[in-house]
Protein backbone atom coordinates (compact mmCIF):
# COMPACT_ATOMS: atom_id res chain seq x y z
CA UNK A 1 -30.14 -4.35 -9.83
CA UNK A 2 -26.43 -4.38 -8.95
CA UNK A 3 -27.01 -1.29 -6.82
CA UNK A 4 -29.91 -2.67 -4.85
CA UNK A 5 -28.58 -6.21 -4.65
CA UNK A 6 -24.90 -6.27 -3.81
CA UNK A 7 -24.52 -9.97 -4.47
CA UNK A 8 -25.79 -9.62 -8.03
CA UNK A 9 -23.41 -6.75 -8.72
CA UNK A 10 -20.42 -8.65 -7.32
CA UNK A 11 -21.35 -11.68 -9.36
CA UNK A 12 -21.41 -9.54 -12.52
CA UNK A 13 -17.97 -8.11 -11.75
CA UNK A 14 -16.65 -11.61 -11.05
CA UNK A 15 -17.99 -12.77 -14.41
CA UNK A 16 -16.27 -9.99 -16.35
CA UNK A 17 -13.07 -10.56 -14.37
CA UNK A 18 -13.15 -14.23 -15.24
CA UNK A 19 -13.57 -13.38 -18.92
CA UNK A 20 -10.56 -11.04 -18.75
CA UNK A 21 -8.43 -13.65 -17.01
CA UNK A 22 -9.43 -16.29 -19.53
CA UNK A 23 -8.61 -14.00 -22.45
CA UNK A 24 -5.21 -13.15 -20.96
CA UNK A 25 -4.23 -16.74 -20.20
CA UNK A 26 -5.28 -18.16 -23.56
CA UNK A 27 -2.87 -15.96 -25.51
CA UNK A 28 0.24 -17.59 -26.90
CA UNK A 29 3.10 -17.57 -24.42
CA UNK A 30 0.94 -16.23 -21.59
CA UNK A 31 1.50 -17.06 -17.94
CA UNK A 32 -0.08 -16.20 -14.59
CA UNK A 33 1.37 -12.68 -14.55
CA UNK A 34 -0.67 -11.76 -17.63
CA UNK A 35 -3.87 -12.15 -15.61
CA UNK A 36 -2.87 -9.55 -13.03
CA UNK A 37 -4.45 -6.53 -14.77
CA UNK A 38 -7.85 -8.27 -14.94
CA UNK A 39 -7.62 -9.44 -11.34
CA UNK A 40 -6.60 -6.00 -10.07
CA UNK A 41 -9.37 -4.29 -12.05
CA UNK A 42 -12.00 -6.75 -10.86
CA UNK A 43 -10.88 -6.41 -7.26
CA UNK A 44 -11.01 -2.62 -7.39
CA UNK A 45 -14.43 -2.73 -9.02
CA UNK A 46 -15.77 -4.99 -6.28
CA UNK A 47 -14.38 -2.73 -3.56
CA UNK A 48 -15.93 0.37 -5.12
CA UNK A 49 -19.32 -1.32 -5.57
CA UNK A 50 -19.28 -2.45 -1.94
CA UNK A 51 -18.34 1.06 -0.82
CA UNK A 52 -21.36 2.52 -2.66
CA UNK A 53 -23.89 -0.10 -1.62
CA UNK A 54 -22.91 -1.18 1.89
CA UNK A 55 -19.75 0.70 2.80
CA UNK A 56 -18.77 4.25 3.75
CA UNK A 57 -20.08 5.75 0.48
CA UNK A 58 -23.54 4.22 0.82
CA UNK A 59 -26.23 6.69 -0.25
CA UNK A 60 -29.68 6.69 1.34
CA UNK A 61 -31.75 7.55 -0.54
CA UNK A 62 -29.91 7.11 -3.83
CA UNK A 63 -30.21 10.24 -5.99
CA UNK A 64 -32.12 8.38 -8.69
CA UNK A 65 -34.47 6.48 -6.33
CA UNK A 66 -38.05 7.28 -7.43
CA UNK A 67 -40.21 8.89 -4.74
CA UNK A 68 -42.80 6.78 -2.96
CA UNK A 69 -46.34 7.61 -4.12
CA UNK A 70 -48.56 9.08 -1.38
CA UNK A 71 -51.34 7.01 0.14
CA UNK A 72 -54.84 7.56 -1.25
CA UNK A 73 -56.63 9.96 1.08
CA UNK A 74 -59.76 8.62 2.81
CA UNK A 75 -63.11 9.65 1.39
CA UNK A 76 -63.80 11.75 4.48
CA UNK A 77 -60.96 14.11 3.61
CA UNK A 78 -61.40 14.15 -0.17
CA UNK A 79 -61.53 17.60 -1.63
CA UNK A 80 -63.19 18.16 -4.94
CA UNK A 81 -61.54 20.67 -7.18
CA UNK A 82 -63.43 19.93 -10.36
CA UNK A 83 -64.61 22.99 -12.18
CA UNK A 84 -68.06 21.47 -12.18
CA UNK A 85 -68.14 21.33 -8.43
CA UNK A 86 -69.82 24.24 -6.74
CA UNK A 87 -69.00 23.24 -3.17
CA UNK A 88 -66.31 21.74 -1.07
CA UNK A 89 -67.52 18.99 1.19
CA UNK A 90 -65.83 18.22 4.49
CA UNK A 91 -68.18 15.49 5.66
CA UNK A 92 -70.12 12.70 3.93
CA UNK A 93 -73.26 14.17 2.46
CA UNK A 94 -72.51 17.64 3.87
CA UNK A 95 -72.30 20.69 1.63
CA UNK A 96 -72.06 24.38 1.95
CA UNK A 97 -73.32 26.73 -0.69
CA UNK A 98 -71.57 29.90 -1.67
CA UNK A 99 -71.90 32.31 1.17
CA UNK A 100 -74.03 29.79 3.07
CA UNK A 101 -74.56 30.26 6.79
CA UNK A 102 -72.40 28.33 9.11
CA UNK A 103 -75.38 27.04 11.08
CA UNK A 104 -76.54 24.40 8.64
CA UNK A 105 -75.66 20.87 9.71
CA UNK A 106 -75.05 17.92 7.46
CA UNK A 107 -77.40 14.97 7.26
CA UNK A 108 -77.83 13.43 10.64
CA UNK A 109 -76.30 16.45 12.30
CA UNK A 110 -78.53 18.75 14.34
CA UNK A 111 -75.86 20.39 16.39
CA UNK A 112 -76.06 24.12 16.76
CA UNK A 113 -72.30 24.33 16.38
CA UNK A 114 -71.33 24.88 12.78
CA UNK A 115 -69.24 22.19 11.18
CA UNK A 116 -65.77 23.17 9.99
CA UNK A 117 -66.08 24.41 6.46
CA UNK A 118 -63.79 25.47 3.68
CA UNK A 119 -64.77 28.07 1.15
CA UNK A 120 -66.37 27.19 -2.11
CA UNK A 121 -64.00 27.45 -5.01
CA UNK A 122 -65.40 29.12 -8.04
CA UNK A 123 -64.60 27.31 -11.27
CA UNK A 124 -63.52 30.51 -12.96
CA UNK A 125 -61.10 31.19 -10.15
CA UNK A 126 -59.68 27.70 -10.59
CA UNK A 127 -59.11 28.28 -14.25
CA UNK A 128 -57.39 31.59 -13.59
CA UNK A 129 -55.35 30.42 -10.63
CA UNK A 130 -51.62 29.89 -10.92
CA UNK A 131 -50.16 26.44 -11.30
CA UNK A 132 -50.49 24.13 -8.37
CA UNK A 133 -47.56 24.23 -6.03
CA UNK A 134 -47.00 27.99 -6.53
CA UNK A 135 -48.10 30.82 -4.22
CA UNK A 136 -51.68 32.01 -4.67
CA UNK A 137 -52.20 35.72 -5.16
CA UNK A 138 -55.01 38.22 -5.37
CA UNK A 139 -58.62 37.31 -4.66
CA UNK A 140 -57.80 33.65 -4.80
CA UNK A 141 -55.46 34.12 -1.82
CA UNK A 142 -58.21 35.92 0.09
CA UNK A 143 -60.76 33.18 -0.59
CA UNK A 144 -58.33 30.48 0.35
CA UNK A 145 -57.41 32.02 3.64
CA UNK A 146 -60.73 33.20 4.94
CA UNK A 147 -61.84 30.03 6.65
CA UNK A 148 -64.52 30.06 9.36
CA UNK A 149 -63.32 29.06 12.79
CA UNK A 150 -65.34 26.38 14.54
CA UNK A 151 -67.57 27.96 17.13
CA UNK A 152 -67.36 31.43 15.62
CA UNK A 153 -70.45 33.30 14.45
CA UNK A 154 -71.58 32.61 10.98
CA UNK A 155 -69.58 34.55 8.50
CA UNK A 156 -66.77 35.26 10.95
CA UNK A 157 -63.54 34.38 9.24
CA UNK A 158 -59.97 34.27 10.42
CA UNK A 159 -57.01 34.75 8.14
CA UNK A 160 -54.56 31.84 8.17
CA UNK A 161 -51.17 31.60 6.52
CA UNK A 162 -51.05 29.61 3.33
CA UNK A 163 -48.34 27.10 2.56
CA UNK A 164 -47.80 26.86 -1.19
CA UNK A 165 -48.85 23.54 -2.55
CA UNK A 166 -46.03 21.07 -2.96
CA UNK A 167 -45.31 17.40 -2.88
CA UNK A 168 -46.30 15.45 0.13
CA UNK A 169 -43.43 13.87 2.02
CA UNK A 170 -42.29 10.91 -0.04
CA UNK A 171 -44.85 11.74 -2.74
CA UNK A 172 -44.58 12.97 -6.30
CA UNK A 173 -44.34 16.63 -7.09
CA UNK A 174 -47.41 18.30 -8.62
CA UNK A 175 -47.43 18.84 -12.35
CA UNK A 176 -45.10 21.58 -13.47
CA UNK A 177 -42.89 21.49 -10.34
CA UNK A 178 -39.38 20.09 -10.72
CA UNK A 179 -38.39 17.28 -8.39
CA UNK A 180 -35.86 18.50 -5.85
CA UNK A 181 -33.59 16.28 -3.82
CA UNK A 182 -34.69 15.97 -0.25
CA UNK A 183 -31.11 15.20 0.85
CA UNK A 184 -28.37 17.57 -0.41
CA UNK A 185 -25.82 15.62 1.62
CA UNK A 186 -26.76 12.48 -0.30
CA UNK A 187 -26.14 14.34 -3.56
CA UNK A 188 -22.71 15.44 -2.38
CA UNK A 189 -21.81 11.93 -1.28
CA UNK A 190 -22.94 10.56 -4.60
CA UNK A 191 -20.83 13.05 -6.60
CA UNK A 192 -17.82 12.37 -4.37
CA UNK A 193 -18.28 8.65 -4.77
CA UNK A 194 -18.73 8.95 -8.52
CA UNK A 195 -15.53 10.97 -8.77
CA UNK A 196 -13.73 8.36 -6.68
CA UNK A 197 -15.06 5.61 -8.93
CA UNK A 198 -13.81 7.39 -12.05
CA UNK A 199 -10.40 7.97 -10.45
CA UNK A 200 -10.09 4.34 -9.38
CA UNK A 201 -11.17 3.19 -12.83
CA UNK A 202 -8.57 5.42 -14.49
CA UNK A 203 -5.79 4.24 -12.17
CA UNK A 204 -6.80 0.62 -12.62
CA UNK A 205 -6.91 0.98 -16.40
CA UNK A 206 -3.55 2.73 -16.64
CA UNK A 207 -2.01 0.39 -14.09
CA UNK A 208 -3.27 -2.66 -15.94
CA UNK A 209 -2.00 -1.32 -19.22
CA UNK A 210 1.39 -0.54 -17.65
CA UNK A 211 1.63 -4.00 -16.10
CA UNK A 212 0.75 -5.65 -19.38
CA UNK A 213 3.29 -3.53 -21.24
CA UNK A 214 5.96 -4.18 -18.65
CA UNK A 215 5.35 -7.89 -18.86
CA UNK A 216 5.62 -7.79 -22.65
CA UNK A 217 8.86 -5.77 -22.65
CA UNK A 218 10.37 -7.96 -19.94
CA UNK A 219 9.67 -11.03 -22.09
CA UNK A 220 11.22 -9.29 -25.11
CA UNK A 221 14.28 -8.40 -23.04
CA UNK A 222 14.71 -11.98 -21.91
CA UNK A 223 14.67 -13.07 -25.54
CA UNK A 224 17.54 -10.75 -26.51
CA UNK A 225 20.83 -12.54 -27.19
CA UNK A 226 23.75 -10.13 -26.95
CA UNK A 227 26.53 -10.60 -29.49
CA UNK A 228 30.08 -11.26 -28.39
CA UNK A 229 32.12 -8.06 -28.28
CA UNK A 230 34.61 -7.44 -31.06
CA UNK A 231 36.67 -5.60 -28.43
CA UNK A 232 36.17 -7.21 -24.97
CA UNK A 233 36.66 -5.28 -21.75
CA UNK A 234 40.06 -5.63 -20.06
CA UNK A 235 40.06 -8.00 -17.11
CA UNK A 236 39.61 -6.49 -13.66
CA UNK A 237 43.12 -6.56 -12.14
CA UNK A 238 43.75 -8.51 -8.97
CA UNK A 239 43.35 -6.34 -5.91
CA UNK A 240 41.08 -3.81 -7.61
CA UNK A 241 38.35 -4.73 -5.15
CA UNK A 242 39.50 -4.56 -1.51
CA UNK A 243 36.38 -6.48 -0.41
CA UNK A 244 35.94 -4.53 2.81
CA UNK A 245 32.65 -4.42 4.67
CA UNK A 246 30.74 -1.21 3.85
CA UNK A 247 33.13 -0.35 1.00
CA UNK A 248 31.39 -0.01 -2.35
CA UNK A 249 32.40 -2.92 -4.62
CA UNK A 250 34.58 -2.12 -7.62
CA UNK A 251 31.84 -3.33 -10.01
CA UNK A 252 28.33 -2.19 -9.10
CA UNK A 253 25.53 -4.72 -9.59
CA UNK A 254 22.64 -3.86 -11.87
CA UNK A 255 20.32 -3.96 -8.89
CA UNK A 256 22.52 -1.65 -6.82
CA UNK A 257 23.28 0.83 -9.59
CA UNK A 258 21.87 4.28 -8.91
CA UNK A 259 18.91 5.48 -10.96
CA UNK A 260 18.08 9.13 -11.63
CA UNK A 261 15.66 10.19 -14.37
CA UNK A 262 12.54 12.26 -14.91
CA UNK A 263 10.29 9.35 -15.88
CA UNK A 264 7.36 8.96 -13.47
CA UNK A 265 6.66 5.61 -15.10
CA UNK A 266 9.53 3.60 -16.56
CA UNK A 267 9.16 3.61 -20.37
CA UNK A 268 8.41 0.19 -21.86
CA UNK A 269 10.09 0.06 -25.28
CA UNK A 270 9.66 -2.93 -27.56
CA UNK A 271 13.02 -3.69 -29.21
CA UNK A 272 11.26 -4.95 -32.33
CA UNK A 273 9.71 -1.53 -32.97
CA UNK A 274 12.58 0.58 -31.59
CA UNK A 275 14.30 2.88 -34.06
CA UNK A 276 17.22 5.29 -33.76
CA UNK A 277 17.25 8.37 -35.97
CA UNK A 278 20.49 10.27 -36.52
CA UNK A 279 19.44 13.51 -38.14
CA UNK A 280 19.64 17.27 -38.00
CA UNK A 281 22.75 18.98 -39.27
CA UNK A 282 24.26 15.92 -40.92
CA UNK A 283 25.00 15.06 -44.54
CA UNK A 284 23.81 11.46 -44.26
CA UNK A 285 20.75 11.02 -42.01
CA UNK A 286 20.38 7.47 -40.71
CA UNK A 287 17.72 5.27 -39.15
CA UNK A 288 18.73 2.07 -37.35
CA UNK A 289 16.68 -0.78 -35.91
CA UNK A 290 17.70 -2.77 -32.85
CA UNK A 291 18.74 -5.63 -35.12
CA UNK A 292 20.87 -3.23 -37.15
CA UNK A 293 22.63 -2.08 -34.01
CA UNK A 294 23.29 -5.63 -32.76
CA UNK A 295 24.78 -6.52 -36.15
CA UNK A 296 27.52 -3.91 -35.74
CA UNK A 297 30.89 -4.57 -34.08
CA UNK A 298 30.45 -4.28 -30.32
CA UNK A 299 32.81 -2.75 -27.79
CA UNK A 300 32.80 -3.72 -24.10
CA UNK A 301 34.22 -1.38 -21.44
CA UNK A 302 34.15 -0.72 -17.70
CA UNK A 303 32.90 2.83 -17.24
CA UNK A 304 31.93 4.71 -14.08
CA UNK A 305 28.89 6.97 -14.31
CA UNK A 306 28.07 9.78 -11.89
CA UNK A 307 25.07 12.07 -11.43
CA UNK A 308 25.55 15.83 -11.29
CA UNK A 309 23.17 15.95 -8.32
CA UNK A 310 25.49 13.74 -6.29
CA UNK A 311 26.44 15.67 -3.16
CA UNK A 312 29.88 15.47 -1.59
CA UNK A 313 30.12 11.96 -0.16
CA UNK A 314 26.94 10.86 -1.97
CA UNK A 315 26.24 7.49 -3.58
CA UNK A 316 24.86 8.55 -6.98
CA UNK A 317 27.83 6.98 -8.73
CA UNK A 318 28.50 3.44 -9.93
CA UNK A 319 30.82 1.36 -12.10
CA UNK A 320 29.59 -1.25 -14.60
CA UNK A 321 30.68 -3.23 -17.64
CA UNK A 322 28.90 -1.82 -20.69
CA UNK A 323 28.48 -3.36 -24.14
CA UNK A 324 27.63 -1.20 -27.12
CA UNK A 325 28.41 0.43 -30.43
CA UNK A 326 30.87 3.36 -30.48
CA UNK A 327 28.95 6.59 -31.10
CA UNK A 328 31.99 7.93 -32.92
CA UNK A 329 31.53 5.37 -35.72
CA UNK A 330 27.90 6.34 -36.22
CA UNK A 331 28.69 10.06 -36.30
CA UNK A 332 31.48 9.47 -38.80
CA UNK A 333 28.96 7.79 -41.10
CA UNK A 334 26.39 10.55 -40.62
CA UNK A 335 29.03 13.27 -41.28
CA UNK A 336 28.07 16.22 -39.06
CA UNK A 337 28.06 19.60 -40.76
CA UNK A 338 30.36 22.45 -39.80
CA UNK A 339 29.20 24.16 -36.61
CA UNK A 340 27.13 21.20 -35.36
CA UNK A 341 28.86 21.23 -31.98
CA UNK A 342 26.08 19.53 -29.99
CA UNK A 343 24.52 16.08 -30.22
CA UNK A 344 21.07 16.07 -28.64
CA UNK A 345 20.10 12.67 -27.29
CA UNK A 346 16.33 12.34 -27.12
CA UNK A 347 14.55 9.73 -25.04
CA UNK A 348 11.32 7.99 -25.97
CA UNK A 349 9.58 10.10 -23.29
CA UNK A 350 10.90 13.36 -24.76
CA UNK A 351 13.73 14.01 -22.29
CA UNK A 352 16.84 15.50 -23.87
CA UNK A 353 20.52 15.88 -23.08
CA UNK A 354 23.14 17.85 -24.98
CA UNK A 355 26.60 16.33 -25.49
CA UNK A 356 29.52 18.11 -27.15
CA UNK A 357 30.09 16.58 -30.59
CA UNK A 358 33.86 16.85 -30.08
CA UNK A 359 33.71 14.73 -26.92
CA UNK A 360 31.87 11.96 -28.74
CA UNK A 361 34.52 11.91 -31.46
CA UNK A 362 37.74 12.38 -29.46
CA UNK A 363 38.51 8.68 -29.11
CA UNK A 364 36.99 7.94 -25.70
CA UNK A 365 34.68 4.94 -25.38
CA UNK A 366 31.35 6.75 -25.79
CA UNK A 367 28.79 4.02 -26.47
CA UNK A 368 25.26 3.36 -27.53
CA UNK A 369 24.99 0.63 -24.91
CA UNK A 370 22.78 -2.45 -25.20
CA UNK A 371 24.29 -4.51 -22.38
CA UNK A 372 25.17 -3.99 -18.72
CA UNK A 373 27.30 -6.42 -16.70
CA UNK A 374 26.86 -9.22 -19.20
CA UNK A 375 23.09 -8.99 -19.77
CA UNK A 376 20.69 -6.80 -21.77
CA UNK A 377 20.11 -3.41 -20.22
CA UNK A 378 17.61 -3.54 -17.36
CA UNK A 379 14.36 -1.80 -18.32
CA UNK A 380 14.85 0.85 -15.63
CA UNK A 381 18.36 1.56 -16.93
CA UNK A 382 17.32 2.29 -20.50
CA UNK A 383 16.42 -0.94 -22.32
CA UNK A 384 16.82 -1.44 -25.18
CA UNK A 385 19.46 1.28 -25.84
CA UNK A 386 21.08 4.10 -23.86
CA UNK A 387 24.07 6.41 -24.09
CA UNK A 388 27.17 5.93 -21.93
CA UNK A 389 29.91 8.59 -22.11
CA UNK A 390 32.93 8.50 -19.75
CA UNK A 391 33.98 11.82 -18.26
CA UNK A 392 30.61 13.62 -18.41
CA UNK A 393 27.83 13.84 -15.86
CA UNK A 394 24.74 11.87 -16.80
CA UNK A 395 22.52 14.90 -17.33
CA UNK A 396 24.52 15.85 -20.45
CA UNK A 397 25.33 12.39 -21.77
CA UNK A 398 23.53 9.36 -20.33
CA UNK A 399 20.28 9.41 -22.31
CA UNK A 400 18.23 6.31 -21.50
CA UNK A 401 15.63 4.80 -23.85
CA UNK A 402 17.30 6.86 -26.57
CA UNK A 403 15.52 7.13 -29.93
CA UNK A 404 17.20 10.13 -31.56
CA UNK A 405 20.63 11.70 -31.98
CA UNK A 406 20.12 15.14 -33.45
CA UNK A 407 23.07 17.23 -34.59
CA UNK A 408 22.62 20.89 -33.71
CA UNK A 409 24.54 23.57 -31.81
CA UNK A 410 24.59 24.83 -28.24
CA UNK A 411 23.60 28.24 -29.58
CA UNK A 412 20.46 26.83 -31.18
CA UNK A 413 19.12 24.37 -28.61
CA UNK A 414 18.99 24.02 -24.82
CA UNK A 415 18.56 20.48 -23.52
CA UNK A 416 16.13 19.59 -20.72
CA UNK A 417 18.12 20.75 -17.68
CA UNK A 418 19.68 23.91 -19.12
CA UNK A 419 16.58 26.16 -18.84
CA UNK A 420 16.20 24.85 -15.30
CA UNK A 421 19.43 26.42 -14.11
CA UNK A 422 22.06 23.80 -14.93
CA UNK A 423 25.17 24.27 -17.03
CA UNK A 424 25.00 23.38 -20.73
CA UNK A 425 28.19 21.32 -20.41
CA UNK A 426 29.03 19.04 -17.50
CA UNK A 427 32.51 17.51 -17.26
CA UNK A 428 32.87 15.37 -14.14
CA UNK A 429 34.76 16.93 -11.26
CA UNK A 430 37.36 15.03 -9.26
CA UNK A 431 35.69 13.50 -6.22
CA UNK A 432 36.53 11.18 -3.31
CA UNK A 433 34.51 9.55 -0.56
CA UNK A 434 35.09 7.77 2.76
CA UNK A 435 33.08 4.53 2.98
CA UNK A 436 34.86 2.96 5.98
CA UNK A 437 34.35 3.83 8.80
CA UNK A 438 30.90 5.33 8.53
CA UNK A 439 29.83 8.48 10.31
CA UNK A 440 29.14 8.04 14.04
CA UNK A 441 30.70 4.56 14.08
CA UNK A 442 32.14 3.58 17.47
CA UNK A 443 35.68 2.34 17.06
CA UNK A 444 38.26 0.70 19.30
CA UNK A 445 41.62 2.38 19.80
CA UNK A 446 44.37 0.86 17.70
CA UNK A 447 44.80 0.11 13.99
CA UNK A 448 41.73 1.11 11.93
CA UNK A 449 41.40 0.82 8.17
CA UNK A 450 40.03 3.94 6.52
CA UNK A 451 38.91 3.26 2.94
CA UNK A 452 36.73 4.57 0.16
CA UNK A 453 36.55 5.39 -3.55
CA UNK A 454 37.72 8.26 -5.78
CA UNK A 455 36.88 9.11 -9.38
CA UNK A 456 37.87 11.48 -12.17
CA UNK A 457 36.61 9.68 -15.28
CA UNK A 458 38.71 9.94 -18.41
CA UNK A 459 41.50 11.62 -16.43
CA UNK A 460 42.16 9.05 -13.72
CA UNK A 461 43.23 9.38 -10.08
CA UNK A 462 46.88 10.03 -9.22
CA UNK A 463 46.69 10.39 -5.43
CA UNK A 464 44.30 10.19 -2.47
CA UNK A 465 45.09 11.77 0.91
CA UNK A 466 43.48 11.50 4.33
CA UNK A 467 43.87 13.62 7.44
CA UNK A 468 42.61 13.45 11.01
CA UNK A 469 41.44 16.49 13.00
CA UNK A 470 43.07 19.07 10.71
CA UNK A 471 46.41 17.33 11.02
CA UNK A 472 48.85 16.68 8.17
CA UNK A 473 47.65 14.98 5.01
CA UNK A 474 48.62 11.33 4.74
CA UNK A 475 48.75 9.58 1.38
CA UNK A 476 46.50 6.57 1.01
CA UNK A 477 47.25 3.43 -0.97
CA UNK A 478 45.45 3.15 -4.31
CA UNK A 479 44.10 -0.17 -5.51
CA UNK A 480 44.65 -0.97 -9.20
CA UNK A 481 41.92 -0.01 -11.68
CA UNK A 482 40.89 -1.20 -15.15
CA UNK A 483 41.29 2.22 -16.76
CA UNK A 484 41.09 5.96 -16.22
CA UNK A 485 37.36 5.71 -17.02
CA UNK A 486 36.56 3.93 -13.73
CA UNK A 487 36.73 4.85 -10.11
CA UNK A 488 39.43 3.49 -7.85
CA UNK A 489 39.38 2.12 -4.32
CA UNK A 490 41.83 3.41 -1.74
CA UNK A 491 42.79 2.58 1.87
CA UNK A 492 44.86 4.05 4.72
CA UNK A 493 45.90 2.50 8.04
CA UNK A 494 45.17 4.75 10.98
CA UNK A 495 46.39 4.33 14.55
CA UNK A 496 43.22 5.53 16.24
CA UNK A 497 43.35 7.14 19.68
CA UNK A 498 40.42 7.44 22.13
CA UNK A 499 38.06 10.35 21.64
CA UNK A 500 36.01 11.99 18.91
CA UNK A 501 37.75 12.52 15.59
CA UNK A 502 37.06 14.04 12.19
CA UNK A 503 38.38 12.26 9.10
CA UNK A 504 38.69 14.10 5.77
CA UNK A 505 39.70 12.96 2.28
CA UNK A 506 40.78 14.65 -0.95
CA UNK A 507 41.91 13.35 -4.33
CA UNK A 508 44.21 14.58 -7.08
CA UNK A 509 43.54 13.58 -10.69
CA UNK A 510 46.12 12.58 -13.29
CA UNK A 511 46.38 16.17 -14.55
CA UNK A 512 47.54 17.31 -11.09
CA UNK A 513 44.27 19.02 -10.18
CA UNK A 514 43.46 18.53 -6.47
CA UNK A 515 39.97 18.76 -5.05
CA UNK A 516 39.13 22.14 -3.61
CA UNK A 517 38.05 22.54 -0.02
CA UNK A 518 35.44 25.07 -1.14
CA UNK A 519 31.95 23.73 -0.63
CA UNK A 520 29.64 24.25 -3.60
CA UNK A 521 26.12 22.98 -4.13
CA UNK A 522 25.34 20.58 -6.96
CA UNK A 523 23.78 23.37 -9.05
CA UNK A 524 24.82 24.35 -11.70
CA UNK A 525 27.54 21.83 -12.63
CA UNK A 526 28.30 19.52 -9.70
CA UNK A 527 29.29 19.74 -6.05
CA UNK A 528 32.77 20.48 -4.72
CA UNK A 529 34.40 20.10 -1.29
CA UNK A 530 36.08 17.49 0.89
CA UNK A 531 34.10 14.59 2.28
CA UNK A 532 34.42 14.06 6.02
CA UNK A 533 33.11 11.71 8.70
CA UNK A 534 33.09 12.00 12.47
CA UNK A 535 33.78 8.94 14.60
CA UNK A 536 34.18 8.00 18.26
CA UNK A 537 37.08 5.85 19.43
CA UNK A 538 36.93 4.03 22.77
């Protein structure tokens, strides 16, 4: 009924949608957002139904529409095929005997012209004939085709082609003949539409489930109360942020923080059911709940993270204030065995990263983070727990949605990116970037502030230099920084002259290592080279 009457079908969908909305809104703590999956599903269902019945996918006839029965033939054209019949009559009261002459007229007919006649069908031939609707062969074919022509001499017969019996247009097929579709295009459109309907239903179902899960995890995140840190982060020194237009701020907001991961859909992890297993080559395997983790002494630190796929001058780097439990303390309790030189962080979606065990225990502030910039981790940044390790690229250390720390060795296990051509270990390379002015900016001759950021986490930046058009390197002024684990802002005052110019920058870390000019791609362990911008001065 919903197919033939669109209004009835839409009303049915509306009814089920209303039931879904009511069920969602009557749950404890529910709000309007909880009804979105039902509303989206109902809307998609209505659109698909309309498309089948009255829209671009409308099928005419529908593949399951029963054929229209044929009209009853008039008595004048009735043909008797009963075995008991010994003649075929083509006019009321008229008959022709077997082999009868064509000159006999029916009652009331005295014309000398023979009436059109069809041959008599012998009952034995009927019984031996093939099924109706199939070609006739042998003597039966001869009898059926030798039909006298009107006006021809008696007994003169003309062979006519025979069309095998089949269903009349719009009528039912004879017994024993399968019903075939009269519209192959309609069949194709139906199958295409059915496939589309299944796809839409799957997307709607998964999307609704994802929305419902996201809503639930977001509510759980909002309910998290972060403990005060036992070791608070040092205050950001005055002047650390130069507050220049287009210059990246010293502390990156949660919203503006870069995001790189392999998750097509952001994992939705309930903190109440989250568990962390520390296992593998350890003497004391451990399992911790989220509550267990929050009960431990917390450390808060400013740490800059960078992605190995960040190109020279790229923006896949950011600085935030992280709150978490030192990984070193957990490993000390688990007691790694001799030779367990790799800690494999495993995400809830199966992604893995391999971090050197020695790095996690050398005293740096490697954290199992639960907070970011004073609030619980955003869902897209790893809520409820992620790894944060200063000095290493994220692909070997920054496991989000982490659920396992497995002690193993680099000889025994390759983490996710290693078989894909990336280095097993990824210490961050010294990098610098020009943020102000931007490429192709039009400047006015005179004093111009050139500024940007530089980073070499866990080593620190000693010097930043700038040069114009392959001229001498000029040392820039460094702003203060919280620690060696964060980036630093820098600035240089340039007396710009009219014309087109190329600005370049390079940094030297606290160990005395200066950035190389050699340009290298991000694969296998991070890009190298000097960042440059080209500007026009009027």
